[in-house]
Amino acid sequence: MTRKWPFVGLLMAVLWLFVSGVSLSVSGVLGGLVVGLAVGMPVAFATRRLYAGGADLGRAVLAVPAALKYVVLFLYELLTANVDVAYRVLDPRLPIEPDVVAIPLRVETDAAITTIANSITLTPGTLTMDYDDDTNTIYVHAITGRSDYRSVVDPIRAWEDLALVVFDERLEPGDSPEPPRPAADGGTAGDAGNGGEGRGD
């Protein structure tokens, strides 16, 4: 087990590359990474008490390929969703059938849930509306939710498969979501649809 704060500092540096808009050249990426490390490492060290325990270096190394695949898959979905939304907006028929889709999740940690929720919101055509902690269900508004809700669910499931590995979750990729726990009113989220996935009201 090793200390967690260096990994947090490195993660901050990588995130800095995405939000700072560095040029896509070797010098630009390396320069942005140096700046990110110069800021991220001191911040991570100063807040190291927030990261309880240590990090399993071996597991972290195994998670790197899954994290890279997550980024590539997200960028692919981001690109294709931009094209799809532009087509639907420019089409005179305006083929938009919005609906809310309830998706029971397999990930359970706050970091994994937040990562998936933000990925959904950053992708054109979908928006994370709500999350039910009691049933571990996320509610997604999608412009194609009524006509083709599988096109909404499938990318999220693909992200989730990778997030299960990256965040060292209890379930494995390919596992089905666990049956939702009863809500306070006696019902459950995502009752309708395939495998507990359904369109909301």
C-alpha atoms as a PDB file:
ATOM      1  CA  MET A   1       0.000   0.000   0.000  1.00  0.00           C
ATOM      2  CA  THR A   2       1.276   3.474  -0.869  1.00  0.00           C
ATOM      3  CA  ARG A   3       0.035   6.928  -0.012  1.00  0.00           C
ATOM      4  CA  LYS A   4      -2.911   8.201  -2.001  1.00  0.00           C
ATOM      5  CA  TRP A   5      -2.070  11.885  -2.316  1.00  0.00           C
ATOM      6  CA  PRO A   6       0.506  11.481  -5.161  1.00  0.00           C
ATOM      7  CA  PHE A   7      -2.138   9.677  -7.230  1.00  0.00           C
ATOM      8  CA  VAL A   8      -4.626  12.469  -6.492  1.00  0.00           C
ATOM      9  CA  GLY A   9      -2.042  15.049  -7.559  1.00  0.00           C
ATOM     10  CA  LEU A  10      -1.415  13.172 -10.804  1.00  0.00           C
ATOM     11  CA  LEU A  11      -5.159  12.945 -11.443  1.00  0.00           C
ATOM     12  CA  MET A  12      -5.464  16.711 -10.934  1.00  0.00           C
ATOM     13  CA  ALA A  13      -2.671  17.245 -13.453  1.00  0.00           C
ATOM     14  CA  VAL A  14      -4.419  15.054 -16.038  1.00  0.00           C
ATOM     15  CA  LEU A  15      -7.733  16.836 -15.441  1.00  0.00           C
ATOM     16  CA  TRP A  16      -5.912  20.141 -15.941  1.00  0.00           C
ATOM     17  CA  LEU A  17      -4.982  19.016 -19.457  1.00  0.00           C
ATOM     18  CA  PHE A  18      -8.672  18.589 -20.305  1.00  0.00           C
ATOM     19  CA  VAL A  19      -9.935  21.871 -18.827  1.00  0.00           C
ATOM     20  CA  SER A  20      -7.069  24.185 -19.811  1.00  0.00           C
ATOM     21  CA  GLY A  21      -7.343  23.675 -23.546  1.00  0.00           C
ATOM     22  CA  VAL A  22      -3.689  22.880 -24.260  1.00  0.00           C
ATOM     23  CA  SER A  23      -2.539  22.567 -27.858  1.00  0.00           C
ATOM     24  CA  LEU A  24      -2.429  19.007 -29.193  1.00  0.00           C
ATOM     25  CA  SER A  25       1.339  18.893 -29.610  1.00  0.00           C
ATOM     26  CA  VAL A  26       4.059  17.164 -27.599  1.00  0.00           C
ATOM     27  CA  SER A  27       5.357  20.439 -26.186  1.00  0.00           C
ATOM     28  CA  GLY A  28       1.846  21.684 -25.437  1.00  0.00           C
ATOM     29  CA  VAL A  29       0.781  18.519 -23.615  1.00  0.00           C
ATOM     30  CA  LEU A  30       4.060  18.246 -21.682  1.00  0.00           C
ATOM     31  CA  GLY A  31       3.905  21.925 -20.735  1.00  0.00           C
ATOM     32  CA  GLY A  32       0.328  21.581 -19.554  1.00  0.00           C
ATOM     33  CA  LEU A  33       1.211  18.453 -17.585  1.00  0.00           C
ATOM     34  CA  VAL A  34       4.110  20.229 -15.848  1.00  0.00           C
ATOM     35  CA  VAL A  35       1.836  23.123 -14.871  1.00  0.00           C
ATOM     36  CA  GLY A  36      -0.813  20.669 -13.677  1.00  0.00           C
ATOM     37  CA  LEU A  37       1.714  18.795 -11.543  1.00  0.00           C
ATOM     38  CA  ALA A  38       3.119  22.046 -10.150  1.00  0.00           C
ATOM     39  CA  VAL A  39      -0.344  22.993  -8.910  1.00  0.00           C
ATOM     40  CA  GLY A  40      -1.904  19.573  -8.312  1.00  0.00           C
ATOM     41  CA  MET A  41       0.822  17.991  -6.194  1.00  0.00           C
ATOM     42  CA  PRO A  42       0.969  20.770  -3.547  1.00  0.00           C
ATOM     43  CA  VAL A  43      -2.835  20.876  -3.361  1.00  0.00           C
ATOM     44  CA  ALA A  44      -3.032  17.084  -2.996  1.00  0.00           C
ATOM     45  CA  PHE A  45      -0.328  17.139  -0.314  1.00  0.00           C
ATOM     46  CA  ALA A  46      -2.047  19.945   1.619  1.00  0.00           C
ATOM     47  CA  THR A  47      -5.345  18.021   1.585  1.00  0.00           C
ATOM     48  CA  ARG A  48      -3.820  14.549   2.115  1.00  0.00           C
ATOM     49  CA  ARG A  49      -5.750  14.013   5.361  1.00  0.00           C
ATOM     50  CA  LEU A  50      -8.938  13.801   3.295  1.00  0.00           C
ATOM     51  CA  TYR A  51      -7.701  10.604   1.651  1.00  0.00           C
ATOM     52  CA  ALA A  52      -7.914   7.946   4.329  1.00  0.00           C
ATOM     53  CA  GLY A  53      -5.724   4.857   4.119  1.00  0.00           C
ATOM     54  CA  GLY A  54      -3.414   3.963   1.291  1.00  0.00           C
ATOM     55  CA  ALA A  55      -3.621   2.999  -2.340  1.00  0.00           C
ATOM     56  CA  ASP A  56      -2.961  -0.415  -3.818  1.00  0.00           C
ATOM     57  CA  LEU A  57      -0.306   0.369  -6.424  1.00  0.00           C
ATOM     58  CA  GLY A  58      -0.819  -2.941  -8.253  1.00  0.00           C
ATOM     59  CA  ARG A  59      -4.575  -2.425  -8.590  1.00  0.00           C
ATOM     60  CA  ALA A  60      -4.027   1.173  -9.660  1.00  0.00           C
ATOM     61  CA  VAL A  61      -1.740   0.046 -12.492  1.00  0.00           C
ATOM     62  CA  LEU A  62      -4.342  -2.495 -13.628  1.00  0.00           C
ATOM     63  CA  ALA A  63      -6.988   0.249 -13.642  1.00  0.00           C
ATOM     64  CA  VAL A  64      -5.006   2.492 -16.023  1.00  0.00           C
ATOM     65  CA  PRO A  65      -6.034   0.659 -19.247  1.00  0.00           C
ATOM     66  CA  ALA A  66      -9.696   0.801 -18.217  1.00  0.00           C
ATOM     67  CA  ALA A  67      -9.384   4.528 -17.444  1.00  0.00           C
ATOM     68  CA  LEU A  68      -7.833   5.184 -20.864  1.00  0.00           C
ATOM     69  CA  LYS A  69     -10.587   3.156 -22.557  1.00  0.00           C
ATOM     70  CA  TYR A  70     -13.170   5.192 -20.629  1.00  0.00           C
ATOM     71  CA  VAL A  71     -11.682   8.456 -21.952  1.00  0.00           C
ATOM     72  CA  VAL A  72     -11.554   7.154 -25.540  1.00  0.00           C
ATOM     73  CA  LEU A  73     -15.126   5.813 -25.358  1.00  0.00           C
ATOM     74  CA  PHE A  74     -16.375   9.076 -23.862  1.00  0.00           C
ATOM     75  CA  LEU A  75     -14.693  11.132 -26.605  1.00  0.00           C
ATOM     76  CA  TYR A  76     -16.238   8.841 -29.250  1.00  0.00           C
ATOM     77  CA  GLU A  77     -19.717   9.237 -27.745  1.00  0.00           C
ATOM     78  CA  LEU A  78     -19.147  12.991 -27.455  1.00  0.00           C
ATOM     79  CA  LEU A  79     -18.278  13.249 -31.143  1.00  0.00           C
ATOM     80  CA  THR A  80     -21.081  11.041 -32.436  1.00  0.00           C
ATOM     81  CA  ALA A  81     -23.645  12.700 -30.155  1.00  0.00           C
ATOM     82  CA  ASN A  82     -22.678  16.140 -31.483  1.00  0.00           C
ATOM     83  CA  VAL A  83     -23.240  14.955 -35.040  1.00  0.00           C
ATOM     84  CA  ASP A  84     -26.532  13.258 -34.126  1.00  0.00           C
ATOM     85  CA  VAL A  85     -27.923  16.304 -32.300  1.00  0.00           C
ATOM     86  CA  ALA A  86     -26.889  18.619 -35.145  1.00  0.00           C
ATOM     87  CA  TYR A  87     -28.684  16.338 -37.629  1.00  0.00           C
ATOM     88  CA  ARG A  88     -31.864  16.285 -35.559  1.00  0.00           C
ATOM     89  CA  VAL A  89     -31.876  20.059 -35.100  1.00  0.00           C
ATOM     90  CA  LEU A  90     -31.308  20.752 -38.809  1.00  0.00           C
ATOM     91  CA  ASP A  91     -33.806  18.139 -40.049  1.00  0.00           C
ATOM     92  CA  PRO A  92     -37.080  19.940 -40.969  1.00  0.00           C
ATOM     93  CA  ARG A  93     -39.035  17.064 -39.388  1.00  0.00           C
ATOM     94  CA  LEU A  94     -37.224  17.699 -36.076  1.00  0.00           C
ATOM     95  CA  PRO A  95     -37.055  13.977 -35.098  1.00  0.00           C
ATOM     96  CA  ILE A  96     -36.850  14.574 -31.362  1.00  0.00           C
ATOM     97  CA  GLU A  97     -38.821  12.430 -28.898  1.00  0.00           C
ATOM     98  CA  PRO A  98     -37.601  13.395 -25.408  1.00  0.00           C
ATOM     99  CA  ASP A  99     -38.270  11.269 -22.370  1.00  0.00           C
ATOM    100  CA  VAL A 100     -36.779  10.451 -18.980  1.00  0.00           C
ATOM    101  CA  VAL A 101     -35.068   7.063 -18.643  1.00  0.00           C
ATOM    102  CA  ALA A 102     -34.552   5.413 -15.239  1.00  0.00           C
ATOM    103  CA  ILE A 103     -31.308   3.420 -15.138  1.00  0.00           C
ATOM    104  CA  PRO A 104     -30.418   1.280 -12.090  1.00  0.00           C
ATOM    105  CA  LEU A 105     -26.663   1.487 -11.554  1.00  0.00           C
ATOM    106  CA  ARG A 106     -24.113  -1.144 -10.589  1.00  0.00           C
ATOM    107  CA  VAL A 107     -21.468   1.314  -9.394  1.00  0.00           C
ATOM    108  CA  GLU A 108     -21.904   2.380  -5.773  1.00  0.00           C
ATOM    109  CA  THR A 109     -19.118   4.795  -4.821  1.00  0.00           C
ATOM    110  CA  ASP A 110     -19.692   8.543  -4.979  1.00  0.00           C
ATOM    111  CA  ALA A 111     -16.732   9.045  -7.322  1.00  0.00           C
ATOM    112  CA  ALA A 112     -17.969   6.469  -9.841  1.00  0.00           C
ATOM    113  CA  ILE A 113     -21.562   7.712  -9.772  1.00  0.00           C
ATOM    114  CA  THR A 114     -20.429  11.327 -10.183  1.00  0.00           C
ATOM    115  CA  THR A 115     -18.127  10.407 -13.084  1.00  0.00           C
ATOM    116  CA  ILE A 116     -20.925   8.656 -14.966  1.00  0.00           C
ATOM    117  CA  ALA A 117     -23.469  11.388 -14.175  1.00  0.00           C
ATOM    118  CA  ASN A 118     -21.087  14.075 -15.473  1.00  0.00           C
ATOM    119  CA  SER A 119     -20.274  12.042 -18.586  1.00  0.00           C
ATOM    120  CA  ILE A 120     -23.999  11.829 -19.344  1.00  0.00           C
ATOM    121  CA  THR A 121     -24.530  15.567 -18.891  1.00  0.00           C
ATOM    122  CA  LEU A 122     -21.468  16.487 -20.984  1.00  0.00           C
ATOM    123  CA  THR A 123     -22.745  14.386 -23.889  1.00  0.00           C
ATOM    124  CA  PRO A 124     -25.120  16.361 -26.162  1.00  0.00           C
ATOM    125  CA  GLY A 125     -28.675  15.054 -26.166  1.00  0.00           C
ATOM    126  CA  THR A 126     -28.621  13.664 -22.625  1.00  0.00           C
ATOM    127  CA  LEU A 127     -28.822  15.254 -19.202  1.00  0.00           C
ATOM    128  CA  THR A 128     -28.571  13.750 -15.737  1.00  0.00           C
ATOM    129  CA  MET A 129     -31.701  14.946 -13.959  1.00  0.00           C
ATOM    130  CA  ASP A 130     -31.660  13.151 -10.619  1.00  0.00           C
ATOM    131  CA  TYR A 131     -30.179  10.303  -8.616  1.00  0.00           C
ATOM    132  CA  ASP A 132     -32.095   8.152  -6.139  1.00  0.00           C
ATOM    133  CA  ASP A 133     -29.724   6.993  -3.405  1.00  0.00           C
ATOM    134  CA  ASP A 134     -32.286   4.556  -1.957  1.00  0.00           C
ATOM    135  CA  THR A 135     -32.534   2.548  -5.179  1.00  0.00           C
ATOM    136  CA  ASN A 136     -29.157   3.490  -6.726  1.00  0.00           C
ATOM    137  CA  THR A 137     -30.975   4.702  -9.832  1.00  0.00           C
ATOM    138  CA  ILE A 138     -30.030   7.564 -12.103  1.00  0.00           C
ATOM    139  CA  TYR A 139     -32.617   9.491 -14.124  1.00  0.00           C
ATOM    140  CA  VAL A 140     -31.539  10.670 -17.564  1.00  0.00           C
ATOM    141  CA  HIS A 141     -33.391  13.049 -19.856  1.00  0.00           C
ATOM    142  CA  ALA A 142     -32.680  12.140 -23.478  1.00  0.00           C
ATOM    143  CA  ILE A 143     -33.916  13.569 -26.763  1.00  0.00           C
ATOM    144  CA  THR A 144     -34.422  10.020 -28.097  1.00  0.00           C
ATOM    145  CA  GLY A 145     -35.628   8.478 -24.848  1.00  0.00           C
ATOM    146  CA  ARG A 146     -39.110   7.656 -26.114  1.00  0.00           C
ATOM    147  CA  SER A 147     -38.255   6.253 -29.550  1.00  0.00           C
ATOM    148  CA  ASP A 148     -34.891   4.561 -28.967  1.00  0.00           C
ATOM    149  CA  TYR A 149     -34.029   4.425 -25.295  1.00  0.00           C
ATOM    150  CA  ARG A 150     -31.517   1.595 -25.840  1.00  0.00           C
ATOM    151  CA  SER A 151     -29.315   4.160 -27.595  1.00  0.00           C
ATOM    152  CA  VAL A 152     -29.340   6.054 -24.292  1.00  0.00           C
ATOM    153  CA  VAL A 153     -28.747   3.081 -21.999  1.00  0.00           C
ATOM    154  CA  ASP A 154     -26.080   1.191 -23.977  1.00  0.00           C
ATOM    155  CA  PRO A 155     -23.323   3.865 -23.847  1.00  0.00           C
ATOM    156  CA  ILE A 156     -23.954   4.373 -20.133  1.00  0.00           C
ATOM    157  CA  ARG A 157     -23.619   0.618 -19.532  1.00  0.00           C
ATOM    158  CA  ALA A 158     -20.342   0.623 -21.492  1.00  0.00           C
ATOM    159  CA  TRP A 159     -18.991   3.479 -19.337  1.00  0.00           C
ATOM    160  CA  GLU A 160     -20.171   1.679 -16.240  1.00  0.00           C
ATOM    161  CA  ASP A 161     -18.336  -1.546 -17.200  1.00  0.00           C
ATOM    162  CA  LEU A 162     -15.087   0.430 -17.245  1.00  0.00           C
ATOM    163  CA  ALA A 163     -15.940   2.449 -14.125  1.00  0.00           C
ATOM    164  CA  LEU A 164     -16.429  -0.799 -12.181  1.00  0.00           C
ATOM    165  CA  VAL A 165     -12.759  -1.560 -12.850  1.00  0.00           C
ATOM    166  CA  VAL A 166     -11.375   1.960 -12.472  1.00  0.00           C
ATOM    167  CA  PHE A 167     -13.041   2.570  -9.107  1.00  0.00           C
ATOM    168  CA  ASP A 168     -12.545  -0.991  -7.795  1.00  0.00           C
ATOM    169  CA  GLU A 169     -16.260  -1.576  -7.328  1.00  0.00           C
ATOM    170  CA  ARG A 170     -17.844  -4.619  -5.690  1.00  0.00           C
ATOM    171  CA  LEU A 171     -19.574  -5.869  -8.857  1.00  0.00           C
ATOM    172  CA  GLU A 172     -17.827  -6.950 -12.050  1.00  0.00           C
ATOM    173  CA  PRO A 173     -18.327  -5.817 -15.678  1.00  0.00           C
ATOM    174  CA  GLY A 174     -21.111  -7.879 -17.195  1.00  0.00           C
ATOM    175  CA  ASP A 175     -22.989  -8.250 -13.890  1.00  0.00           C
ATOM    176  CA  SER A 176     -26.629  -7.206 -13.886  1.00  0.00           C
ATOM    177  CA  PRO A 177     -27.782  -4.385 -11.631  1.00  0.00           C
ATOM    178  CA  GLU A 178     -28.960  -5.668  -8.286  1.00  0.00           C
ATOM    179  CA  PRO A 179     -32.730  -5.507  -7.687  1.00  0.00           C
ATOM    180  CA  PRO A 180     -33.546  -2.025  -6.390  1.00  0.00           C
ATOM    181  CA  ARG A 181     -34.205  -1.721  -2.694  1.00  0.00           C
ATOM    182  CA  PRO A 182     -37.782  -0.655  -1.822  1.00  0.00           C
ATOM    183  CA  ALA A 183     -38.229   3.093  -1.800  1.00  0.00           C
ATOM    184  CA  ALA A 184     -39.792   4.967   1.087  1.00  0.00           C
ATOM    185  CA  ASP A 185     -43.214   4.941  -0.598  1.00  0.00           C
ATOM    186  CA  GLY A 186     -43.110   1.187  -1.126  1.00  0.00           C
ATOM    187  CA  GLY A 187     -42.334   1.358  -4.863  1.00  0.00           C
ATOM    188  CA  THR A 188     -39.079   0.960  -6.714  1.00  0.00           C
ATOM    189  CA  ALA A 189     -37.352   3.021  -9.366  1.00  0.00           C
ATOM    190  CA  GLY A 190     -36.975   1.620 -12.845  1.00  0.00           C
ATOM    191  CA  ASP A 191     -39.773  -0.932 -12.469  1.00  0.00           C
ATOM    192  CA  ALA A 192     -40.598  -0.966 -16.176  1.00  0.00           C
ATOM    193  CA  GLY A 193     -38.504  -1.882 -19.180  1.00  0.00           C
ATOM    194  CA  ASN A 194     -35.558  -4.201 -19.728  1.00  0.00           C
ATOM    195  CA  GLY A 195     -33.878  -5.522 -16.613  1.00  0.00           C
ATOM    196  CA  GLY A 196     -35.257  -2.815 -14.389  1.00  0.00           C
ATOM    197  CA  GLU A 197     -34.473  -0.043 -16.858  1.00  0.00           C
ATOM    198  CA  GLY A 198     -37.486   1.970 -17.807  1.00  0.00           C
ATOM    199  CA  ARG A 199     -38.739   5.317 -18.975  1.00  0.00           C
ATOM    200  CA  GLY A 200     -39.752   7.685 -16.256  1.00  0.00           C
ATOM    201  CA  ASP A 201     -42.843   9.800 -16.124  1.00  0.00           C
END
